[in-house]
Amino acid sequence: MIARLATLISDHLFLLKSSVIWAILLISVFCYGLLIELCFLSKPTEAWYDRSHYWSDSLRKILAALPLLGLLGTITGLLKTFLRMSVEKGLSLQEIVSGGIAEAMFTTQMGLIMVVPGLLMLAYLVYKQKQWSAKNHHEIND
């Protein structure tokens, strides 16, 4: 079982050589960290409201970049594949194509997968902002 897992990991380590994958991971970690803090760890106060309101629009734009980075990874992976095919003149074509296509599809998948939880947490944050604003606006008018 452990040998099989080690083989599986070593077969896919080439994916970690992609700068696009690292960019997707770093952006996701930044956004998720901020969203988790604002949604679940911070107490809703006026300072929280101001900070969450400040970050909402930026987070929306940063998260929107994740699928685009995935697309960039797709193009990069395909370009590498075609370059290797031209350099190696079709030798071991199956290995060349499968490795490049795997990288291309993985970056697309990763960009799409990483954006969904971020957008859901962002929607929850906006909901909390509206709840807090409505509650405090109601208290001011009373």
Protein backbone atom coordinates (compact mmCIF):
# COMPACT_ATOMS: atom_id res chain seq x y z
CA MET A 1 0.00 0.00 0.00
CA ILE A 2 2.76 2.47 0.96
CA ALA A 3 4.85 1.49 -2.07
CA ARG A 4 1.84 2.08 -4.31
CA LEU A 5 1.23 5.50 -2.77
CA ALA A 6 4.92 6.41 -3.15
CA THR A 7 4.80 5.39 -6.81
CA LEU A 8 1.66 7.43 -7.38
CA ILE A 9 3.24 10.50 -5.78
CA SER A 10 6.52 10.14 -7.67
CA ASP A 11 4.64 9.74 -10.97
CA HIS A 12 2.93 13.11 -10.41
CA LEU A 13 5.75 15.16 -8.89
CA PHE A 14 6.39 16.79 -12.26
CA LEU A 15 3.20 18.79 -11.68
CA LEU A 16 4.87 20.68 -8.83
CA LYS A 17 7.44 22.08 -11.25
CA SER A 18 4.79 24.35 -12.76
CA SER A 19 4.93 27.96 -11.63
CA VAL A 20 1.24 28.31 -12.51
CA ILE A 21 0.32 25.59 -10.02
CA TRP A 22 2.34 27.33 -7.32
CA ALA A 23 0.67 30.66 -8.15
CA ILE A 24 -2.76 29.06 -7.84
CA LEU A 25 -1.79 27.50 -4.50
CA LEU A 26 -0.34 30.72 -3.07
CA ILE A 27 -3.29 32.86 -4.13
CA SER A 28 -5.70 30.28 -2.74
CA VAL A 29 -3.91 30.09 0.60
CA PHE A 30 -3.90 33.89 0.89
CA CYS A 31 -7.59 34.23 0.02
CA TYR A 32 -8.73 31.28 2.14
CA GLY A 33 -6.73 32.48 5.13
CA LEU A 34 -8.25 35.94 4.96
CA LEU A 35 -11.76 34.61 4.32
CA ILE A 36 -11.58 32.08 7.16
CA GLU A 37 -10.44 34.79 9.51
CA LEU A 38 -13.15 37.24 8.44
CA CYS A 39 -15.96 34.67 8.20
CA PHE A 40 -15.31 32.44 11.19
CA LEU A 41 -12.61 33.69 13.53
CA SER A 42 -13.21 37.43 13.94
CA LYS A 43 -16.04 38.81 16.01
CA PRO A 44 -18.33 41.10 13.99
CA THR A 45 -17.60 44.62 15.19
CA GLU A 46 -17.35 47.94 13.43
CA ALA A 47 -13.63 47.36 12.85
CA TRP A 48 -14.43 43.90 11.44
CA TYR A 49 -17.09 45.41 9.18
CA ASP A 50 -14.70 48.05 7.86
CA ARG A 51 -11.95 45.48 7.26
CA SER A 52 -14.24 42.93 5.63
CA HIS A 53 -15.81 45.61 3.46
CA TYR A 54 -12.33 46.81 2.47
CA TRP A 55 -11.27 43.30 1.36
CA SER A 56 -14.52 42.10 -0.28
CA ASP A 57 -14.02 43.64 -3.71
CA SER A 58 -10.32 42.77 -3.82
CA LEU A 59 -10.99 39.17 -2.82
CA ARG A 60 -13.62 38.87 -5.55
CA LYS A 61 -11.09 40.03 -8.15
CA ILE A 62 -8.25 37.89 -6.81
CA LEU A 63 -10.46 34.80 -6.76
CA ALA A 64 -11.56 35.52 -10.33
CA ALA A 65 -7.90 35.17 -11.34
CA LEU A 66 -7.76 31.50 -10.29
CA PRO A 67 -9.62 30.03 -13.30
CA LEU A 68 -7.64 32.35 -15.57
CA LEU A 69 -4.41 31.03 -14.09
CA GLY A 70 -5.72 27.53 -14.71
CA LEU A 71 -6.27 28.45 -18.34
CA LEU A 72 -2.75 29.88 -18.50
CA GLY A 73 -1.49 26.55 -17.16
CA THR A 74 -3.42 24.75 -19.88
CA ILE A 75 -1.80 26.83 -22.59
CA THR A 76 1.64 26.42 -20.99
CA GLY A 77 1.24 22.65 -20.73
CA LEU A 78 0.11 22.35 -24.34
CA LEU A 79 2.96 24.54 -25.55
CA LYS A 80 5.47 22.37 -23.67
CA THR A 81 3.93 19.29 -25.23
CA PHE A 82 4.17 20.64 -28.78
CA LEU A 83 7.70 21.89 -28.17
CA ARG A 84 8.84 18.51 -26.89
CA MET A 85 7.12 16.78 -29.80
CA SER A 86 9.00 18.97 -32.28
CA VAL A 87 12.35 18.55 -30.51
CA GLU A 88 12.08 14.79 -30.08
CA LYS A 89 10.56 14.32 -33.55
CA GLY A 90 7.79 12.05 -32.31
CA LEU A 91 9.98 9.65 -30.35
CA SER A 92 8.08 8.20 -27.40
CA LEU A 93 5.10 10.27 -28.47
CA GLN A 94 2.71 8.72 -25.97
CA GLU A 95 4.84 9.76 -22.96
CA ILE A 96 5.34 13.28 -24.30
CA VAL A 97 1.67 13.87 -25.00
CA SER A 98 0.33 12.29 -21.81
CA GLY A 99 2.68 14.28 -19.54
CA GLY A 100 1.93 17.61 -21.22
CA ILE A 101 -1.80 17.00 -21.37
CA ALA A 102 -1.81 15.90 -17.73
CA GLU A 103 -0.18 19.17 -16.68
CA ALA A 104 -2.51 21.20 -18.89
CA MET A 105 -5.67 19.57 -17.56
CA PHE A 106 -4.48 19.55 -13.95
CA THR A 107 -3.90 23.32 -13.89
CA THR A 108 -7.33 23.95 -15.38
CA GLN A 109 -8.95 21.64 -12.87
CA MET A 110 -7.03 23.15 -9.99
CA GLY A 111 -7.94 26.72 -10.95
CA LEU A 112 -11.62 25.81 -11.13
CA ILE A 113 -11.64 23.73 -7.96
CA MET A 114 -9.84 26.35 -5.88
CA VAL A 115 -12.18 29.19 -6.84
CA VAL A 116 -15.44 27.53 -5.76
CA PRO A 117 -14.88 27.37 -1.95
CA GLY A 118 -13.46 30.90 -2.06
CA LEU A 119 -16.53 32.27 -3.80
CA LEU A 120 -18.79 30.45 -1.36
CA MET A 121 -16.93 31.90 1.63
CA LEU A 122 -17.00 35.33 0.01
CA ALA A 123 -20.77 35.06 -0.43
CA TYR A 124 -21.07 34.10 3.24
CA LEU A 125 -18.90 37.09 4.21
CA VAL A 126 -21.12 39.46 2.23
CA TYR A 127 -24.16 37.90 3.94
CA LYS A 128 -22.56 38.49 7.36
CA GLN A 129 -21.76 42.08 6.39
CA LYS A 130 -25.39 42.72 5.42
CA GLN A 131 -26.64 41.10 8.62
CA TRP A 132 -24.27 43.20 10.73
CA SER A 133 -25.15 46.37 8.83
CA ALA A 134 -28.90 45.76 9.14
CA LYS A 135 -28.61 44.99 12.85
CA ASN A 136 -26.54 48.08 13.60
CA HIS A 137 -28.60 50.36 11.37
CA HIS A 138 -31.72 49.15 13.21
CA GLU A 139 -30.11 49.87 16.61
CA ILE A 140 -29.15 53.41 15.51
CA ASN A 141 -32.71 54.20 14.44
CA ASP A 142 -34.25 52.97 17.72
